[in-house]
C-alpha cells in the first residue's frame, strides 16, 4: 500500500508538471502581473515538477526529491493564496481555490511520508 501511495503521488506530480506546458496561459495568469517572466517561470516550474517526480520514483534519489518537493510546495503556496484572493480571474469555483490551500499541507505531509519508502 505504501508503494502505491508513493507512485500515485509521483504520477500526480508528474502530470502537474506536464500541465504547465499544456495549460501555460492558466498558470501564467495564476501569478500576479508584477511578477516578471511569468511564462518562463511556468515552464521552469513544470520542468522541476517532472524532474522531481521522476526523482521520487527512483529509490536512489527518493529522499532528496521528497524534501525538494516539500520545499517546492511551500514556495508556490503564495501563488495559491493569490489565486484564492482573486477567484474572478479563473474559471474555477472560489471554494475550490480556498480548499486547495489546506490541501497543500496534505501534499507536503504525503510526500514527506512516501520519500522514506525503500
PDB file of N, CA and C in Angstrom:
ATOM      1  N   UNK A   1       0.813  -1.193   0.000  1.00  0.00           N
ATOM      2  CA  UNK A   1       0.000   0.000   0.000  1.00  0.00           C
ATOM      3  C   UNK A   1       0.863   1.267   0.000  1.00  0.00           C
ATOM      4  N   UNK A   2       1.997   1.203   0.717  1.00  0.00           N
ATOM      5  CA  UNK A   2       2.884   2.360   0.785  1.00  0.00           C
ATOM      6  C   UNK A   2       3.467   2.675  -0.590  1.00  0.00           C
ATOM      7  N   UNK A   3       3.847   1.638  -1.316  1.00  0.00           N
ATOM      8  CA  UNK A   3       4.390   1.845  -2.670  1.00  0.00           C
ATOM      9  C   UNK A   3       3.345   2.477  -3.582  1.00  0.00           C
ATOM     10  N   UNK A   4       2.098   2.073  -3.419  1.00  0.00           N
ATOM     11  CA  UNK A   4       1.019   2.646  -4.228  1.00  0.00           C
ATOM     12  C   UNK A   4       0.903   4.137  -3.931  1.00  0.00           C
ATOM     13  N   UNK A   5       0.943   4.503  -2.639  1.00  0.00           N
ATOM     14  CA  UNK A   5       0.868   5.917  -2.251  1.00  0.00           C
ATOM     15  C   UNK A   5       2.033   6.705  -2.843  1.00  0.00           C
ATOM     16  N   UNK A   6       3.203   6.083  -2.861  1.00  0.00           N
ATOM     17  CA  UNK A   6       4.382   6.725  -3.442  1.00  0.00           C
ATOM     18  C   UNK A   6       4.180   7.000  -4.926  1.00  0.00           C
ATOM     19  N   UNK A   7       3.794   5.970  -5.667  1.00  0.00           N
ATOM     20  CA  UNK A   7       3.666   6.126  -7.116  1.00  0.00           C
ATOM     21  C   UNK A   7       2.467   6.973  -7.512  1.00  0.00           C
ATOM     22  N   UNK A   8       1.406   6.949  -6.726  1.00  0.00           N
ATOM     23  CA  UNK A   8       0.268   7.835  -7.010  1.00  0.00           C
ATOM     24  C   UNK A   8       0.713   9.283  -6.869  1.00  0.00           C
ATOM     25  N   UNK A   9       1.427   9.585  -5.794  1.00  0.00           N
ATOM     26  CA  UNK A   9       1.911  10.955  -5.610  1.00  0.00           C
ATOM     27  C   UNK A   9       2.834  11.347  -6.757  1.00  0.00           C
ATOM     28  N   UNK A  10       3.792  10.482  -7.071  1.00  0.00           N
ATOM     29  CA  UNK A  10       4.767  10.792  -8.124  1.00  0.00           C
ATOM     30  C   UNK A  10       4.082  11.015  -9.468  1.00  0.00           C
ATOM     31  N   UNK A  11       3.115  10.188  -9.795  1.00  0.00           N
ATOM     32  CA  UNK A  11       2.400  10.339 -11.075  1.00  0.00           C
ATOM     33  C   UNK A  11       1.588  11.625 -11.087  1.00  0.00           C
ATOM     34  N   UNK A  12       0.927  11.933  -9.981  1.00  0.00           N
ATOM     35  CA  UNK A  12       0.165  13.189  -9.907  1.00  0.00           C
ATOM     36  C   UNK A  12       1.084  14.396 -10.055  1.00  0.00           C
ATOM     37  N   UNK A  13       2.246  14.333  -9.424  1.00  0.00           N
ATOM     38  CA  UNK A  13       3.195  15.449  -9.518  1.00  0.00           C
ATOM     39  C   UNK A  13       3.753  15.561 -10.933  1.00  0.00           C
ATOM     40  N   UNK A  14       4.012  14.417 -11.559  1.00  0.00           N
ATOM     41  CA  UNK A  14       4.476  14.401 -12.949  1.00  0.00           C
ATOM     42  C   UNK A  14       3.422  15.020 -13.870  1.00  0.00           C
ATOM     43  N   UNK A  15       2.175  14.615 -13.685  1.00  0.00           N
ATOM     44  CA  UNK A  15       1.093  15.174 -14.514  1.00  0.00           C
ATOM     45  C   UNK A  15       0.922  16.673 -14.268  1.00  0.00           C
ATOM     46  N   UNK A  16       1.100  17.101 -13.034  1.00  0.00           N
ATOM     47  CA  UNK A  16       1.035  18.537 -12.735  1.00  0.00           C
ATOM     48  C   UNK A  16       2.116  19.277 -13.519  1.00  0.00           C
ATOM     49  N   UNK A  17       3.297  18.691 -13.601  1.00  0.00           N
ATOM     50  CA  UNK A  17       4.374  19.307 -14.372  1.00  0.00           C
ATOM     51  C   UNK A  17       4.040  19.395 -15.844  1.00  0.00           C
ATOM     52  N   UNK A  18       3.469  18.341 -16.391  1.00  0.00           N
ATOM     53  CA  UNK A  18       3.082  18.325 -17.811  1.00  0.00           C
ATOM     54  C   UNK A  18       2.028  19.393 -18.098  1.00  0.00           C
ATOM     55  N   UNK A  19       1.093  19.575 -17.156  1.00  0.00           N
ATOM     56  CA  UNK A  19       0.033  20.570 -17.394  1.00  0.00           C
ATOM     57  C   UNK A  19       0.585  21.987 -17.488  1.00  0.00           C
ATOM     58  N   UNK A  20       1.774  22.237 -16.949  1.00  0.00           N
ATOM     59  CA  UNK A  20       2.376  23.565 -17.089  1.00  0.00           C
ATOM     60  C   UNK A  20       2.660  23.890 -18.556  1.00  0.00           C
ATOM     61  N   UNK A  21       2.870  22.865 -19.356  1.00  0.00           N
ATOM     62  CA  UNK A  21       3.117  23.071 -20.783  1.00  0.00           C
ATOM     63  C   UNK A  21       1.812  23.088 -21.572  1.00  0.00           C
ATOM     64  N   UNK A  22       0.856  22.278 -21.154  1.00  0.00           N
ATOM     65  CA  UNK A  22      -0.419  22.171 -21.856  1.00  0.00           C
ATOM     66  C   UNK A  22      -1.318  23.376 -21.552  1.00  0.00           C
ATOM     67  N   UNK A  23      -1.288  23.832 -20.305  1.00  0.00           N
ATOM     68  CA  UNK A  23      -2.161  24.927 -19.863  1.00  0.00           C
ATOM     69  C   UNK A  23      -1.353  26.146 -19.417  1.00  0.00           C
ATOM     70  N   UNK A  24      -0.290  26.427 -20.127  1.00  0.00           N
ATOM     71  CA  UNK A  24       0.601  27.529 -19.734  1.00  0.00           C
ATOM     72  C   UNK A  24      -0.133  28.838 -19.486  1.00  0.00           C
ATOM     73  N   UNK A  25      -1.089  29.255 -20.329  1.00  0.00           N
ATOM     74  CA  UNK A  25      -1.771  30.531 -20.051  1.00  0.00           C
ATOM     75  C   UNK A  25      -2.469  30.562 -18.682  1.00  0.00           C
ATOM     76  N   UNK A  26      -3.062  29.448 -18.278  1.00  0.00           N
ATOM     77  CA  UNK A  26      -3.714  29.381 -16.974  1.00  0.00           C
ATOM     78  C   UNK A  26      -2.709  29.606 -15.855  1.00  0.00           C
ATOM     79  N   UNK A  27      -1.574  28.905 -15.924  1.00  0.00           N
ATOM     80  CA  UNK A  27      -0.561  29.029 -14.881  1.00  0.00           C
ATOM     81  C   UNK A  27       0.083  30.415 -14.891  1.00  0.00           C
ATOM     82  N   UNK A  28       0.228  31.000 -16.059  1.00  0.00           N
ATOM     83  CA  UNK A  28       0.774  32.351 -16.138  1.00  0.00           C
ATOM     84  C   UNK A  28      -0.164  33.335 -15.454  1.00  0.00           C
ATOM     85  N   UNK A  29      -1.473  33.189 -15.682  1.00  0.00           N
ATOM     86  CA  UNK A  29      -2.460  34.065 -15.032  1.00  0.00           C
ATOM     87  C   UNK A  29      -2.518  33.840 -13.531  1.00  0.00           C
ATOM     88  N   UNK A  30      -2.043  32.703 -13.068  1.00  0.00           N
ATOM     89  CA  UNK A  30      -2.089  32.402 -11.636  1.00  0.00           C
ATOM     90  C   UNK A  30      -1.140  33.281 -10.838  1.00  0.00           C
ATOM     91  N   UNK A  31      -0.200  33.904 -11.518  1.00  0.00           N
ATOM     92  CA  UNK A  31       0.767  34.772 -10.837  1.00  0.00           C
ATOM     93  C   UNK A  31       0.370  36.229 -11.014  1.00  0.00           C
ATOM     94  N   UNK A  32       0.678  37.047 -10.015  1.00  0.00           N
ATOM     95  CA  UNK A  32       0.378  38.484 -10.151  1.00  0.00           C
ATOM     96  C   UNK A  32       1.100  39.086 -11.358  1.00  0.00           C
ATOM     97  N   UNK A  33       0.499  40.111 -11.937  1.00  0.00           N
ATOM     98  CA  UNK A  33       1.074  40.756 -13.129  1.00  0.00           C
ATOM     99  C   UNK A  33       2.466  41.332 -12.892  1.00  0.00           C
ATOM    100  N   UNK A  34       2.758  41.708 -11.664  1.00  0.00           N
ATOM    101  CA  UNK A  34       4.052  42.330 -11.389  1.00  0.00           C
ATOM    102  C   UNK A  34       5.213  41.332 -11.386  1.00  0.00           C
ATOM    103  N   UNK A  35       4.918  40.038 -11.418  1.00  0.00           N
ATOM    104  CA  UNK A  35       5.984  39.026 -11.463  1.00  0.00           C
ATOM    105  C   UNK A  35       6.571  39.005 -12.870  1.00  0.00           C
ATOM    106  N   UNK A  36       7.882  39.212 -12.992  1.00  0.00           N
ATOM    107  CA  UNK A  36       8.498  39.217 -14.333  1.00  0.00           C
ATOM    108  C   UNK A  36       8.657  37.804 -14.894  1.00  0.00           C
ATOM    109  N   UNK A  37       8.679  37.711 -16.202  1.00  0.00           N
ATOM    110  CA  UNK A  37       8.969  36.453 -16.911  1.00  0.00           C
ATOM    111  C   UNK A  37       8.024  35.322 -16.493  1.00  0.00           C
ATOM    112  N   UNK A  38       6.767  35.628 -16.327  1.00  0.00           N
ATOM    113  CA  UNK A  38       5.802  34.629 -15.850  1.00  0.00           C
ATOM    114  C   UNK A  38       5.769  33.363 -16.701  1.00  0.00           C
ATOM    115  N   UNK A  39       5.675  33.440 -18.044  1.00  0.00           N
ATOM    116  CA  UNK A  39       5.667  32.182 -18.817  1.00  0.00           C
ATOM    117  C   UNK A  39       6.934  31.348 -18.608  1.00  0.00           C
ATOM    118  N   UNK A  40       8.069  32.019 -18.500  1.00  0.00           N
ATOM    119  CA  UNK A  40       9.331  31.298 -18.274  1.00  0.00           C
ATOM    120  C   UNK A  40       9.289  30.580 -16.925  1.00  0.00           C
ATOM    121  N   UNK A  41       8.767  31.262 -15.922  1.00  0.00           N
ATOM    122  CA  UNK A  41       8.644  30.655 -14.595  1.00  0.00           C
ATOM    123  C   UNK A  41       7.720  29.440 -14.649  1.00  0.00           C
ATOM    124  N   UNK A  42       6.642  29.543 -15.418  1.00  0.00           N
ATOM    125  CA  UNK A  42       5.711  28.417 -15.563  1.00  0.00           C
ATOM    126  C   UNK A  42       6.429  27.218 -16.175  1.00  0.00           C
ATOM    127  N   UNK A  43       7.189  27.441 -17.234  1.00  0.00           N
ATOM    128  CA  UNK A  43       7.902  26.330 -17.883  1.00  0.00           C
ATOM    129  C   UNK A  43       8.967  25.734 -16.967  1.00  0.00           C
ATOM    130  N   UNK A  44       9.707  26.591 -16.286  1.00  0.00           N
ATOM    131  CA  UNK A  44      10.746  26.095 -15.376  1.00  0.00           C
ATOM    132  C   UNK A  44      10.125  25.281 -14.244  1.00  0.00           C
ATOM    133  N   UNK A  45       9.016  25.784 -13.679  1.00  0.00           N
ATOM    134  CA  UNK A  45       8.390  25.027 -12.588  1.00  0.00           C
ATOM    135  C   UNK A  45       7.810  23.706 -13.096  1.00  0.00           C
ATOM    136  N   UNK A  46       7.316  23.685 -14.334  1.00  0.00           N
ATOM    137  CA  UNK A  46       6.844  22.435 -14.921  1.00  0.00           C
ATOM    138  C   UNK A  46       7.972  21.423 -15.072  1.00  0.00           C
ATOM    139  N   UNK A  47       9.115  21.898 -15.550  1.00  0.00           N
ATOM    140  CA  UNK A  47      10.286  21.017 -15.676  1.00  0.00           C
ATOM    141  C   UNK A  47      10.700  20.509 -14.302  1.00  0.00           C
ATOM    142  N   UNK A  48      10.705  21.404 -13.319  1.00  0.00           N
ATOM    143  CA  UNK A  48      11.089  20.994 -11.959  1.00  0.00           C
ATOM    144  C   UNK A  48      10.152  19.914 -11.426  1.00  0.00           C
ATOM    145  N   UNK A  49       8.863  20.081 -11.651  1.00  0.00           N
ATOM    146  CA  UNK A  49       7.902  19.086 -11.158  1.00  0.00           C
ATOM    147  C   UNK A  49       8.115  17.734 -11.833  1.00  0.00           C
ATOM    148  N   UNK A  50       8.381  17.748 -13.116  1.00  0.00           N
ATOM    149  CA  UNK A  50       8.623  16.486 -13.832  1.00  0.00           C
ATOM    150  C   UNK A  50       9.889  15.808 -13.329  1.00  0.00           C
ATOM    151  N   UNK A  51      10.962  16.572 -13.215  1.00  0.00           N
ATOM    152  CA  UNK A  51      12.247  16.015 -12.758  1.00  0.00           C
ATOM    153  C   UNK A  51      12.131  15.499 -11.323  1.00  0.00           C
ATOM    154  N   UNK A  52      11.478  16.275 -10.455  1.00  0.00           N
ATOM    155  CA  UNK A  52      11.337  15.847  -9.062  1.00  0.00           C
ATOM    156  C   UNK A  52      10.439  14.615  -8.946  1.00  0.00           C
ATOM    157  N   UNK A  53       9.402  14.521  -9.762  1.00  0.00           N
ATOM    158  CA  UNK A  53       8.534  13.338  -9.742  1.00  0.00           C
ATOM    159  C   UNK A  53       9.326  12.097 -10.144  1.00  0.00           C
ATOM    160  N   UNK A  54      10.149  12.234 -11.165  1.00  0.00           N
ATOM    161  CA  UNK A  54      10.991  11.103 -11.581  1.00  0.00           C
ATOM    162  C   UNK A  54      11.982  10.753 -10.466  1.00  0.00           C
ATOM    163  N   UNK A  55      12.555  11.773  -9.838  1.00  0.00           N
ATOM    164  CA  UNK A  55      13.468  11.539  -8.721  1.00  0.00           C
ATOM    165  C   UNK A  55      12.790  10.819  -7.567  1.00  0.00           C
ATOM    166  N   UNK A  56      11.526  11.116  -7.338  1.00  0.00           N
ATOM    167  CA  UNK A  56      10.775  10.461  -6.267  1.00  0.00           C
ATOM    168  C   UNK A  56      10.537   8.985  -6.588  1.00  0.00           C
ATOM    169  N   UNK A  57      10.434   8.661  -7.858  1.00  0.00           N
ATOM    170  CA  UNK A  57      10.188   7.269  -8.250  1.00  0.00           C
ATOM    171  C   UNK A  57      11.444   6.413  -8.151  1.00  0.00           C
ATOM    172  N   UNK A  58      12.592   7.046  -8.166  1.00  0.00           N
ATOM    173  CA  UNK A  58      13.851   6.300  -8.112  1.00  0.00           C
ATOM    174  C   UNK A  58      14.308   6.154  -6.659  1.00  0.00           C
ATOM    175  N   UNK A  59      14.575   4.945  -6.255  1.00  0.00           N
ATOM    176  CA  UNK A  59      14.965   4.663  -4.869  1.00  0.00           C
ATOM    177  C   UNK A  59      16.184   5.485  -4.448  1.00  0.00           C
ATOM    178  N   UNK A  60      17.133   5.599  -5.348  1.00  0.00           N
ATOM    179  CA  UNK A  60      18.398   6.275  -5.038  1.00  0.00           C
ATOM    180  C   UNK A  60      18.225   7.767  -4.741  1.00  0.00           C
ATOM    181  N   UNK A  61      17.249   8.401  -5.361  1.00  0.00           N
ATOM    182  CA  UNK A  61      17.065   9.852  -5.216  1.00  0.00           C
ATOM    183  C   UNK A  61      15.780  10.212  -4.459  1.00  0.00           C
ATOM    184  N   UNK A  62      15.058   9.215  -4.007  1.00  0.00           N
ATOM    185  CA  UNK A  62      13.728   9.426  -3.413  1.00  0.00           C
ATOM    186  C   UNK A  62      13.745  10.375  -2.217  1.00  0.00           C
ATOM    187  N   UNK A  63      14.647  10.185  -1.294  1.00  0.00           N
ATOM    188  CA  UNK A  63      14.650  11.007  -0.074  1.00  0.00           C
ATOM    189  C   UNK A  63      14.917  12.475  -0.385  1.00  0.00           C
ATOM    190  N   UNK A  64      15.907  12.749  -1.211  1.00  0.00           N
ATOM    191  CA  UNK A  64      16.213  14.142  -1.568  1.00  0.00           C
ATOM    192  C   UNK A  64      15.095  14.755  -2.396  1.00  0.00           C
ATOM    193  N   UNK A  65      14.577  13.996  -3.340  1.00  0.00           N
ATOM    194  CA  UNK A  65      13.491  14.510  -4.175  1.00  0.00           C
ATOM    195  C   UNK A  65      12.266  14.834  -3.322  1.00  0.00           C
ATOM    196  N   UNK A  66      11.964  14.005  -2.343  1.00  0.00           N
ATOM    197  CA  UNK A  66      10.826  14.258  -1.469  1.00  0.00           C
ATOM    198  C   UNK A  66      10.972  15.552  -0.688  1.00  0.00           C
ATOM    199  N   UNK A  67      12.160  15.792  -0.164  1.00  0.00           N
ATOM    200  CA  UNK A  67      12.410  17.043   0.563  1.00  0.00           C
ATOM    201  C   UNK A  67      12.309  18.234  -0.389  1.00  0.00           C
ATOM    202  N   UNK A  68      12.876  18.095  -1.584  1.00  0.00           N
ATOM    203  CA  UNK A  68      12.815  19.188  -2.556  1.00  0.00           C
ATOM    204  C   UNK A  68      11.380  19.468  -3.008  1.00  0.00           C
ATOM    205  N   UNK A  69      10.574  18.432  -3.136  1.00  0.00           N
ATOM    206  CA  UNK A  69       9.159  18.627  -3.485  1.00  0.00           C
ATOM    207  C   UNK A  69       8.447  19.375  -2.362  1.00  0.00           C
ATOM    208  N   UNK A  70       8.709  18.992  -1.114  1.00  0.00           N
ATOM    209  CA  UNK A  70       8.086  19.677   0.020  1.00  0.00           C
ATOM    210  C   UNK A  70       8.470  21.163   0.022  1.00  0.00           C
ATOM    211  N   UNK A  71       9.736  21.455  -0.211  1.00  0.00           N
ATOM    212  CA  UNK A  71      10.192  22.851  -0.280  1.00  0.00           C
ATOM    213  C   UNK A  71       9.509  23.566  -1.435  1.00  0.00           C
ATOM    214  N   UNK A  72       9.433  22.918  -2.583  1.00  0.00           N
ATOM    215  CA  UNK A  72       8.772  23.490  -3.759  1.00  0.00           C
ATOM    216  C   UNK A  72       7.318  23.829  -3.436  1.00  0.00           C
ATOM    217  N   UNK A  73       6.617  22.918  -2.765  1.00  0.00           N
ATOM    218  CA  UNK A  73       5.212  23.149  -2.416  1.00  0.00           C
ATOM    219  C   UNK A  73       5.056  24.335  -1.466  1.00  0.00           C
ATOM    220  N   UNK A  74       6.006  24.520  -0.576  1.00  0.00           N
ATOM    221  CA  UNK A  74       5.980  25.692   0.311  1.00  0.00           C
ATOM    222  C   UNK A  74       6.219  26.965  -0.505  1.00  0.00           C
ATOM    223  N   UNK A  75       7.157  26.908  -1.429  1.00  0.00           N
ATOM    224  CA  UNK A  75       7.498  28.095  -2.221  1.00  0.00           C
ATOM    225  C   UNK A  75       6.370  28.541  -3.143  1.00  0.00           C
ATOM    226  N   UNK A  76       5.571  27.605  -3.638  1.00  0.00           N
ATOM    227  CA  UNK A  76       4.482  28.001  -4.542  1.00  0.00           C
ATOM    228  C   UNK A  76       3.189  28.322  -3.790  1.00  0.00           C
ATOM    229  N   UNK A  77       3.189  28.143  -2.485  1.00  0.00           N
ATOM    230  CA  UNK A  77       1.982  28.421  -1.698  1.00  0.00           C
ATOM    231  C   UNK A  77       1.473  29.856  -1.868  1.00  0.00           C
ATOM    232  N   UNK A  78       2.341  30.861  -1.940  1.00  0.00           N
ATOM    233  CA  UNK A  78       1.831  32.227  -2.164  1.00  0.00           C
ATOM    234  C   UNK A  78       1.017  32.372  -3.454  1.00  0.00           C
ATOM    235  N   UNK A  79       1.347  31.606  -4.481  1.00  0.00           N
ATOM    236  CA  UNK A  79       0.558  31.653  -5.718  1.00  0.00           C
ATOM    237  C   UNK A  79      -0.851  31.127  -5.451  1.00  0.00           C
ATOM    238  N   UNK A  80      -0.945  30.072  -4.659  1.00  0.00           N
ATOM    239  CA  UNK A  80      -2.255  29.526  -4.317  1.00  0.00           C
ATOM    240  C   UNK A  80      -3.081  30.533  -3.516  1.00  0.00           C
ATOM    241  N   UNK A  81      -2.431  31.246  -2.613  1.00  0.00           N
ATOM    242  CA  UNK A  81      -3.120  32.282  -1.842  1.00  0.00           C
ATOM    243  C   UNK A  81      -3.613  33.377  -2.783  1.00  0.00           C
ATOM    244  N   UNK A  82      -2.737  33.816  -3.684  1.00  0.00           N
ATOM    245  CA  UNK A  82      -3.115  34.848  -4.649  1.00  0.00           C
ATOM    246  C   UNK A  82      -4.344  34.421  -5.448  1.00  0.00           C
ATOM    247  N   UNK A  83      -4.342  33.195  -5.928  1.00  0.00           N
ATOM    248  CA  UNK A  83      -5.474  32.703  -6.720  1.00  0.00           C
ATOM    249  C   UNK A  83      -6.764  32.706  -5.896  1.00  0.00           C
ATOM    250  N   UNK A  84      -6.675  32.317  -4.625  1.00  0.00           N
ATOM    251  CA  UNK A  84      -7.868  32.301  -3.775  1.00  0.00           C
ATOM    252  C   UNK A  84      -8.400  33.708  -3.532  1.00  0.00           C
ATOM    253  N   UNK A  85      -7.508  34.685  -3.515  1.00  0.00           N
ATOM    254  CA  UNK A  85      -7.919  36.070  -3.257  1.00  0.00           C
ATOM    255  C   UNK A  85      -8.533  36.755  -4.474  1.00  0.00           C
ATOM    256  N   UNK A  86      -8.253  36.250  -5.664  1.00  0.00           N
ATOM    257  CA  UNK A  86      -8.803  36.845  -6.894  1.00  0.00           C
ATOM    258  C   UNK A  86      -9.477  35.763  -7.752  1.00  0.00           C
ATOM    259  N   UNK A  87     -10.475  35.078  -7.206  1.00  0.00           N
ATOM    260  CA  UNK A  87     -11.086  33.944  -7.914  1.00  0.00           C
ATOM    261  C   UNK A  87     -11.776  34.332  -9.220  1.00  0.00           C
ATOM    262  N   UNK A  88     -12.163  35.596  -9.357  1.00  0.00           N
ATOM    263  CA  UNK A  88     -12.852  36.030 -10.576  1.00  0.00           C
ATOM    264  C   UNK A  88     -11.952  35.938 -11.815  1.00  0.00           C
ATOM    265  N   UNK A  89     -10.664  35.790 -11.613  1.00  0.00           N
ATOM    266  CA  UNK A  89      -9.732  35.684 -12.746  1.00  0.00           C
ATOM    267  C   UNK A  89      -9.631  34.261 -13.303  1.00  0.00           C
ATOM    268  N   UNK A  90     -10.311  33.319 -12.674  1.00  0.00           N
ATOM    269  CA  UNK A  90     -10.161  31.922 -13.066  1.00  0.00           C
ATOM    270  C   UNK A  90     -11.517  31.284 -13.315  1.00  0.00           C
ATOM    271  N   UNK A  91     -11.505  30.272 -14.125  1.00  0.00           N
ATOM    272  CA  UNK A  91     -12.743  29.534 -14.394  1.00  0.00           C
ATOM    273  C   UNK A  91     -12.845  28.343 -13.444  1.00  0.00           C
ATOM    274  N   UNK A  92     -12.523  28.616 -12.192  1.00  0.00           N
ATOM    275  CA  UNK A  92     -12.560  27.620 -11.129  1.00  0.00           C
ATOM    276  C   UNK A  92     -13.410  28.202 -10.003  1.00  0.00           C
ATOM    277  N   UNK A  93     -14.293  27.417  -9.413  1.00  0.00           N
ATOM    278  CA  UNK A  93     -15.094  27.951  -8.307  1.00  0.00           C
ATOM    279  C   UNK A  93     -14.208  28.466  -7.167  1.00  0.00           C
ATOM    280  N   UNK A  94     -14.609  29.577  -6.576  1.00  0.00           N
ATOM    281  CA  UNK A  94     -13.821  30.186  -5.496  1.00  0.00           C
ATOM    282  C   UNK A  94     -13.592  29.209  -4.350  1.00  0.00           C
ATOM    283  N   UNK A  95     -14.608  28.419  -4.000  1.00  0.00           N
ATOM    284  CA  UNK A  95     -14.443  27.476  -2.892  1.00  0.00           C
ATOM    285  C   UNK A  95     -13.332  26.458  -3.179  1.00  0.00           C
ATOM    286  N   UNK A  96     -13.177  26.082  -4.441  1.00  0.00           N
ATOM    287  CA  UNK A  96     -12.121  25.122  -4.809  1.00  0.00           C
ATOM    288  C   UNK A  96     -10.740  25.736  -4.594  1.00  0.00           C
ATOM    289  N   UNK A  97     -10.620  27.016  -4.894  1.00  0.00           N
ATOM    290  CA  UNK A  97      -9.335  27.695  -4.688  1.00  0.00           C
ATOM    291  C   UNK A  97      -9.004  27.805  -3.197  1.00  0.00           C
ATOM    292  N   UNK A  98     -10.030  28.002  -2.374  1.00  0.00           N
ATOM    293  CA  UNK A  98      -9.809  28.063  -0.928  1.00  0.00           C
ATOM    294  C   UNK A  98      -9.530  26.675  -0.350  1.00  0.00           C
ATOM    295  N   UNK A  99     -10.199  25.644  -0.864  1.00  0.00           N
ATOM    296  CA  UNK A  99      -9.957  24.283  -0.384  1.00  0.00           C
ATOM    297  C   UNK A  99      -8.561  23.793  -0.751  1.00  0.00           C
ATOM    298  N   UNK A 100      -8.036  24.352  -1.812  1.00  0.00           N
ATOM    299  CA  UNK A 100      -6.693  23.981  -2.267  1.00  0.00           C
ATOM    300  C   UNK A 100      -5.621  24.384  -1.259  1.00  0.00           C
ATOM    301  N   UNK A 101      -5.879  25.407  -0.482  1.00  0.00           N
ATOM    302  CA  UNK A 101      -4.858  25.874   0.469  1.00  0.00           C
ATOM    303  C   UNK A 101      -4.513  24.813   1.518  1.00  0.00           C
ATOM    304  N   UNK A 102      -5.494  24.263   2.245  1.00  0.00           N
ATOM    305  CA  UNK A 102      -5.113  23.210   3.202  1.00  0.00           C
ATOM    306  C   UNK A 102      -4.632  21.933   2.504  1.00  0.00           C
ATOM    307  N   UNK A 103      -5.073  21.712   1.272  1.00  0.00           N
ATOM    308  CA  UNK A 103      -4.611  20.543   0.522  1.00  0.00           C
ATOM    309  C   UNK A 103      -3.092  20.587   0.330  1.00  0.00           C
ATOM    310  N   UNK A 104      -2.546  21.782   0.209  1.00  0.00           N
ATOM    311  CA  UNK A 104      -1.093  21.931   0.038  1.00  0.00           C
ATOM    312  C   UNK A 104      -0.354  21.303   1.221  1.00  0.00           C
ATOM    313  N   UNK A 105      -0.885  21.475   2.430  1.00  0.00           N
ATOM    314  CA  UNK A 105      -0.254  20.894   3.616  1.00  0.00           C
ATOM    315  C   UNK A 105      -0.374  19.374   3.616  1.00  0.00           C
ATOM    316  N   UNK A 106      -1.482  18.864   3.113  1.00  0.00           N
ATOM    317  CA  UNK A 106      -1.663  17.418   2.977  1.00  0.00           C
ATOM    318  C   UNK A 106      -0.633  16.861   1.998  1.00  0.00           C
ATOM    319  N   UNK A 107      -0.414  17.566   0.892  1.00  0.00           N
ATOM    320  CA  UNK A 107       0.569  17.120  -0.099  1.00  0.00           C
ATOM    321  C   UNK A 107       1.982  17.118   0.488  1.00  0.00           C
ATOM    322  N   UNK A 108       2.300  18.136   1.274  1.00  0.00           N
ATOM    323  CA  UNK A 108       3.626  18.194   1.917  1.00  0.00           C
ATOM    324  C   UNK A 108       3.791  17.015   2.872  1.00  0.00           C
ATOM    325  N   UNK A 109       2.782  16.759   3.689  1.00  0.00           N
ATOM    326  CA  UNK A 109       2.834  15.626   4.610  1.00  0.00           C
ATOM    327  C   UNK A 109       2.996  14.323   3.828  1.00  0.00           C
ATOM    328  N   UNK A 110       2.199  14.169   2.765  1.00  0.00           N
ATOM    329  CA  UNK A 110       2.210  12.955   1.952  1.00  0.00           C
ATOM    330  C   UNK A 110       3.596  12.693   1.380  1.00  0.00           C
ATOM    331  N   UNK A 111       4.190  13.701   0.755  1.00  0.00           N
ATOM    332  CA  UNK A 111       5.490  13.475   0.115  1.00  0.00           C
ATOM    333  C   UNK A 111       6.578  13.217   1.154  1.00  0.00           C
ATOM    334  N   UNK A 112       6.484  13.844   2.316  1.00  0.00           N
ATOM    335  CA  UNK A 112       7.489  13.583   3.347  1.00  0.00           C
ATOM    336  C   UNK A 112       7.361  12.163   3.905  1.00  0.00           C
ATOM    337  N   UNK A 113       6.163  11.608   3.866  1.00  0.00           N
ATOM    338  CA  UNK A 113       5.961  10.218   4.279  1.00  0.00           C
ATOM    339  C   UNK A 113       6.503   9.236   3.236  1.00  0.00           C
ATOM    340  N   UNK A 114       6.102   9.437   1.972  1.00  0.00           N
ATOM    341  CA  UNK A 114       6.457   8.455   0.942  1.00  0.00           C
ATOM    342  C   UNK A 114       7.935   8.517   0.556  1.00  0.00           C
ATOM    343  N   UNK A 115       8.605   9.602   0.845  1.00  0.00           N
ATOM    344  CA  UNK A 115      10.032   9.691   0.480  1.00  0.00           C
ATOM    345  C   UNK A 115      10.876   8.707   1.282  1.00  0.00           C
ATOM    346  N   UNK A 116      10.335   8.206   2.386  1.00  0.00           N
ATOM    347  CA  UNK A 116      11.076   7.283   3.253  1.00  0.00           C
ATOM    348  C   UNK A 116      10.916   5.822   2.835  1.00  0.00           C
ATOM    349  N   UNK A 117      10.076   5.555   1.855  1.00  0.00           N
ATOM    350  CA  UNK A 117       9.822   4.173   1.442  1.00  0.00           C
ATOM    351  C   UNK A 117      11.018   3.627   0.655  1.00  0.00           C
ATOM    352  N   UNK A 118      11.454   2.455   1.043  1.00  0.00           N
ATOM    353  CA  UNK A 118      12.597   1.823   0.329  1.00  0.00           C
ATOM    354  C   UNK A 118      12.131   0.866  -0.728  1.00  0.00           C
TER     355      UNK A 118
END
